[in-house]
Protein backbone atom coordinates (compact mmCIF):
# COMPACT_ATOMS: atom_id res chain seq x y z
CA MET A 1 -13.84 -1.83 -16.79
CA ASN A 2 -14.76 -3.42 -13.45
CA VAL A 3 -12.04 -3.73 -10.80
CA LEU A 4 -11.93 -5.44 -7.42
CA ALA A 5 -9.26 -3.76 -5.26
CA LEU A 6 -7.62 -5.28 -2.16
CA ASP A 7 -5.23 -3.78 0.38
CA THR A 8 -3.86 -5.55 3.45
CA SER A 9 -0.37 -4.02 3.41
CA GLY A 10 -0.80 -1.84 6.52
CA PRO A 11 -3.02 -1.50 9.57
CA ILE A 12 -6.14 -0.97 7.41
CA CYS A 13 -7.87 -3.84 5.64
CA GLY A 14 -9.48 -2.34 2.53
CA VAL A 15 -11.69 -3.47 -0.34
CA ALA A 16 -13.19 -1.39 -3.16
CA VAL A 17 -15.17 -2.12 -6.29
CA LEU A 18 -14.92 0.10 -9.36
CA ARG A 19 -17.58 -0.26 -12.06
CA ASP A 20 -16.78 1.53 -15.30
CA LYS A 21 -15.52 4.91 -14.01
CA GLN A 22 -17.30 4.92 -10.66
CA ILE A 23 -16.39 3.62 -7.21
CA VAL A 24 -19.54 1.74 -6.26
CA SER A 25 -18.36 0.20 -2.98
CA GLU A 26 -15.54 0.88 -0.55
CA HIS A 27 -14.83 -0.69 2.82
CA MET A 28 -12.03 0.05 5.28
CA VAL A 29 -11.71 -1.58 8.68
CA LEU A 30 -9.24 -1.12 11.53
CA ASN A 31 -9.87 -3.49 14.41
CA GLN A 32 -8.27 -6.21 16.52
CA ARG A 33 -9.09 -8.95 14.04
CA THR A 34 -6.49 -10.13 11.57
CA HIS A 35 -6.76 -9.23 7.89
CA SER A 36 -7.25 -12.93 7.09
CA VAL A 37 -10.48 -12.87 9.11
CA ASN A 38 -11.74 -9.56 7.71
CA LEU A 39 -10.85 -9.77 4.03
CA LEU A 40 -13.09 -12.42 2.45
CA PRO A 41 -16.30 -11.24 4.18
CA MET A 42 -15.47 -7.68 3.07
CA ILE A 43 -15.04 -8.84 -0.53
CA ASP A 44 -18.42 -10.60 -0.45
CA GLU A 45 -20.10 -7.55 1.09
CA SER A 46 -18.50 -5.10 -1.36
CA LEU A 47 -19.47 -7.12 -4.42
CA GLY A 48 -22.99 -7.59 -3.06
CA GLU A 49 -23.42 -3.86 -2.44
CA ALA A 50 -22.26 -3.18 -5.99
CA GLY A 51 -24.73 -5.69 -7.41
CA LEU A 52 -21.85 -7.59 -9.02
CA THR A 53 -20.13 -10.94 -8.71
CA LEU A 54 -16.48 -11.88 -8.98
CA ASN A 55 -17.11 -13.08 -12.54
CA ASP A 56 -18.18 -9.54 -13.48
CA MET A 57 -14.70 -8.23 -12.69
CA HIS A 58 -12.14 -7.54 -15.39
CA ARG A 59 -9.20 -7.08 -13.02
CA ILE A 60 -8.19 -7.83 -9.43
CA ALA A 61 -5.96 -5.00 -8.18
CA CYS A 62 -3.88 -5.94 -5.15
CA VAL A 63 -1.40 -3.93 -3.10
CA THR A 64 1.73 -6.08 -3.16
CA GLY A 65 3.87 -3.99 -0.80
CA PRO A 66 5.93 -2.65 0.71
CA GLY A 67 4.36 -3.08 4.10
CA SER A 68 3.67 -5.68 6.75
CA PHE A 69 5.10 -9.03 5.65
CA THR A 70 2.13 -10.97 7.00
CA GLY A 71 -0.41 -8.45 5.75
CA VAL A 72 1.01 -8.35 2.24
CA ARG A 73 1.02 -12.16 2.06
CA ILE A 74 -2.65 -12.28 3.04
CA GLY A 75 -3.71 -9.87 0.30
CA VAL A 76 -1.52 -11.38 -2.40
CA SER A 77 -2.54 -14.94 -1.53
CA THR A 78 -6.21 -13.98 -1.62
CA ALA A 79 -5.83 -12.23 -4.98
CA LYS A 80 -3.95 -15.22 -6.39
CA GLY A 81 -6.65 -17.61 -5.21
CA LEU A 82 -9.47 -15.52 -6.66
CA SER A 83 -7.59 -15.13 -9.92
CA HIS A 84 -6.80 -18.84 -10.16
CA GLY A 85 -10.40 -19.81 -9.62
CA SER A 86 -11.93 -17.22 -11.93
CA GLY A 87 -9.30 -16.65 -14.61
CA ILE A 88 -9.43 -12.90 -13.96
CA PRO A 89 -6.03 -11.20 -14.39
CA CYS A 90 -4.29 -9.39 -11.55
CA VAL A 91 -2.66 -5.99 -11.31
CA ALA A 92 0.07 -5.27 -8.76
CA VAL A 93 -0.29 -1.87 -7.05
CA ASP A 94 2.54 -0.28 -5.10
CA ALA A 95 1.53 0.63 -1.54
CA LEU A 96 3.45 3.90 -1.37
CA GLU A 97 2.17 5.07 -4.75
CA ALA A 98 -1.41 4.24 -3.74
CA MET A 99 -0.96 6.17 -0.49
CA ALA A 100 0.38 9.23 -2.30
CA TYR A 101 -2.30 9.00 -4.99
CA GLY A 102 -4.96 9.68 -2.39
CA ALA A 103 -3.37 13.11 -1.82
CA ALA A 104 -2.32 13.83 -5.40
CA TYR A 105 -4.05 17.23 -5.44
CA PHE A 106 -1.61 18.47 -2.82
CA SER A 107 0.78 20.82 -4.61
CA GLY A 108 4.35 19.83 -3.86
CA ILE A 109 6.35 16.88 -2.58
CA ILE A 110 4.60 13.88 -0.98
CA CYS A 111 6.57 11.41 1.11
CA ALA A 112 4.70 8.15 1.73
CA MET A 113 6.20 6.08 4.51
CA GLN A 114 5.31 2.77 6.14
CA ASP A 115 6.80 1.94 9.52
CA ALA A 116 9.54 -0.70 9.15
CA ARG A 117 10.52 -0.63 12.86
CA ALA A 118 14.02 -0.29 14.30
CA GLY A 119 14.09 3.40 13.32
CA GLN A 120 13.47 2.68 9.65
CA VAL A 121 10.62 3.24 7.22
CA TYR A 122 9.72 2.03 3.75
CA ALA A 123 9.50 5.31 1.88
CA ALA A 124 9.15 6.92 -1.54
CA CYS A 125 8.76 10.55 -2.57
CA PHE A 126 6.57 11.91 -5.34
CA GLN A 127 6.00 15.28 -7.00
CA ALA A 128 2.27 16.03 -7.01
CA ARG A 129 0.74 18.44 -9.47
CA ASP A 130 -2.94 18.77 -10.49
CA GLY A 131 -3.78 15.22 -9.45
CA ALA A 132 -0.80 13.60 -11.20
CA LEU A 133 2.20 12.03 -9.50
CA SER A 134 5.79 11.89 -10.69
CA ARG A 135 8.02 9.49 -8.81
CA LEU A 136 11.21 11.09 -7.44
CA GLY A 137 12.89 7.87 -6.38
CA PRO A 138 12.37 4.16 -5.77
CA ASP A 139 10.72 2.53 -2.79
CA GLN A 140 13.44 1.97 -0.23
CA PRO A 141 13.99 0.89 3.36
CA ILE A 142 15.75 3.84 4.97
CA ALA A 143 16.58 5.29 8.36
CA VAL A 144 14.25 8.16 9.18
CA LYS A 145 17.15 10.50 9.92
CA GLU A 146 18.72 9.80 6.52
CA LEU A 147 15.39 10.26 4.73
CA LEU A 148 14.73 13.62 6.37
CA SER A 149 18.24 14.91 5.64
CA GLY A 150 17.48 14.76 1.92
CA ILE A 151 14.26 16.81 2.04
CA ARG A 152 14.81 20.50 1.35
CA GLU A 153 11.33 21.85 0.63
CA ARG A 154 7.75 21.74 1.90
CA CYS A 155 6.64 18.12 2.05
CA LEU A 156 3.44 16.27 2.92
CA PHE A 157 4.08 13.10 4.93
CA LEU A 158 1.67 10.17 4.86
CA GLY A 159 1.40 6.70 6.36
CA ASP A 160 1.79 4.95 9.69
CA GLY A 161 5.52 5.72 9.53
CA MET A 162 4.61 9.40 9.70
CA GLU A 163 2.61 8.77 12.86
CA VAL A 164 5.41 6.83 14.55
CA HIS A 165 8.03 9.47 13.70
CA ARG A 166 5.86 12.60 13.80
CA ALA A 167 7.92 14.36 16.48
CA GLU A 168 11.22 13.58 14.73
CA ILE A 169 9.89 14.87 11.40
CA ARG A 170 8.66 18.09 12.98
CA GLU A 171 11.93 18.64 14.82
CA ALA A 172 14.01 18.09 11.65
CA LEU A 173 11.91 20.06 9.16
CA GLY A 174 9.82 22.50 11.19
CA GLU A 175 7.20 24.30 9.12
CA LYS A 176 8.35 22.57 5.92
CA ALA A 177 6.71 19.37 7.22
CA VAL A 178 2.99 19.01 6.52
CA LEU A 179 1.66 16.39 8.95
CA PRO A 180 -2.02 15.53 8.47
CA PRO A 181 -4.17 13.87 11.12
CA PRO A 182 -4.11 10.04 11.09
CA HIS A 183 -7.40 9.55 9.26
CA LEU A 184 -6.02 11.30 6.17
CA SER A 185 -2.82 9.27 5.87
CA PHE A 186 -4.01 5.70 5.18
CA ILE A 187 -4.23 4.02 1.79
CA ARG A 188 -7.71 4.33 0.34
CA PRO A 189 -8.82 1.14 -1.44
CA SER A 190 -10.59 3.36 -3.98
CA SER A 191 -7.17 4.72 -4.94
CA VAL A 192 -5.98 1.13 -5.46
CA ALA A 193 -8.98 0.48 -7.70
CA VAL A 194 -8.28 3.50 -9.93
CA LEU A 195 -4.57 2.71 -10.16
CA GLY A 196 -5.48 -0.88 -10.99
CA ARG A 197 -7.83 0.25 -13.73
CA ASP A 198 -5.22 2.54 -15.28
CA ALA A 199 -2.27 0.15 -14.98
CA ALA A 200 -0.64 -0.87 -18.24
CA GLU A 201 0.39 -4.37 -17.17
CA GLU A 202 -1.75 -7.32 -16.14
CA VAL A 203 -0.32 -10.54 -14.69
CA ASP A 204 -1.74 -13.96 -13.99
CA TYR A 205 -1.96 -15.43 -10.52
CA ARG A 206 1.38 -17.26 -10.89
CA THR A 207 3.24 -14.02 -11.58
CA LEU A 208 1.70 -11.85 -8.85
CA MET A 209 4.24 -11.68 -6.02
CA PRO A 210 4.75 -9.67 -2.81
CA LEU A 211 7.12 -6.71 -2.97
CA TYR A 212 9.58 -7.13 -0.11
CA LEU A 213 12.25 -4.45 0.27
CA ARG A 214 14.10 -6.52 2.84
CA ALA A 215 13.90 -10.12 3.99
CA PRO A 216 11.37 -11.01 6.72
CA SER A 217 12.86 -10.97 10.22
CA ALA A 218 12.59 -14.76 10.52
CA GLN A 219 14.74 -15.18 7.42
CA ARG A 220 17.26 -12.59 8.60
CA ASN A 221 17.52 -14.31 11.98
CA ARG A 222 18.03 -17.68 10.32
CA GLU A 223 20.76 -16.31 8.06
CA LEU A 224 22.47 -14.71 11.07
CA MET A 225 22.39 -17.98 13.00
CA GLU A 226 23.78 -19.88 10.01
CA ALA A 227 26.57 -17.35 9.62
CA GLN A 228 27.45 -17.64 13.30
CA ALA A 229 27.39 -21.44 13.10
CA HIS A 230 29.94 -21.31 10.26
CA GLY A 231 32.27 -19.08 12.17
């Protein structure tokens, strides 16, 4: 199976190509350009390096969230457009699962967390054993203090939420907190490709949707203003 994998859910813009059982191209970029500028050229370059075209793909695996509202929309919209034009089915990949999958050979609990601002993160915990993950709870928006209060054992933290709240995590958990350097805590697009290959469910471009754990701030502000206007 050939898979084109896309991730724009966080600070990294990532593309990978999996051919049969091998990752044959992987690109990750972190710069001042928006994901909408980076993504399509990266797709073209990745497919070209792999010696493949879009029509050679069997699946388009896309990280649908949780994460940056704008970033997730860019990736999902791109995947939907490619799928619509080519007829290739899509696979939705969870951002937190993909992040944890990159560290699945850690023995113990993994907490993947994306910064959600205002003292909150989007987080999920997994039990890792011999490269396999078992989910311990759903993705959720949660205050960092509340999240940490429920962790009782040694735990590996990943994601840009870990970087933002590194000091708070260390203060709350001490030596039970495993805090890797930043370059080890991003989602690898190759992980997205493998998860996309192994996923049981395919969807068409009309069904692929972003995973939002809370409404975008613009919507929340609008609802607040409407509530105030109605007394």
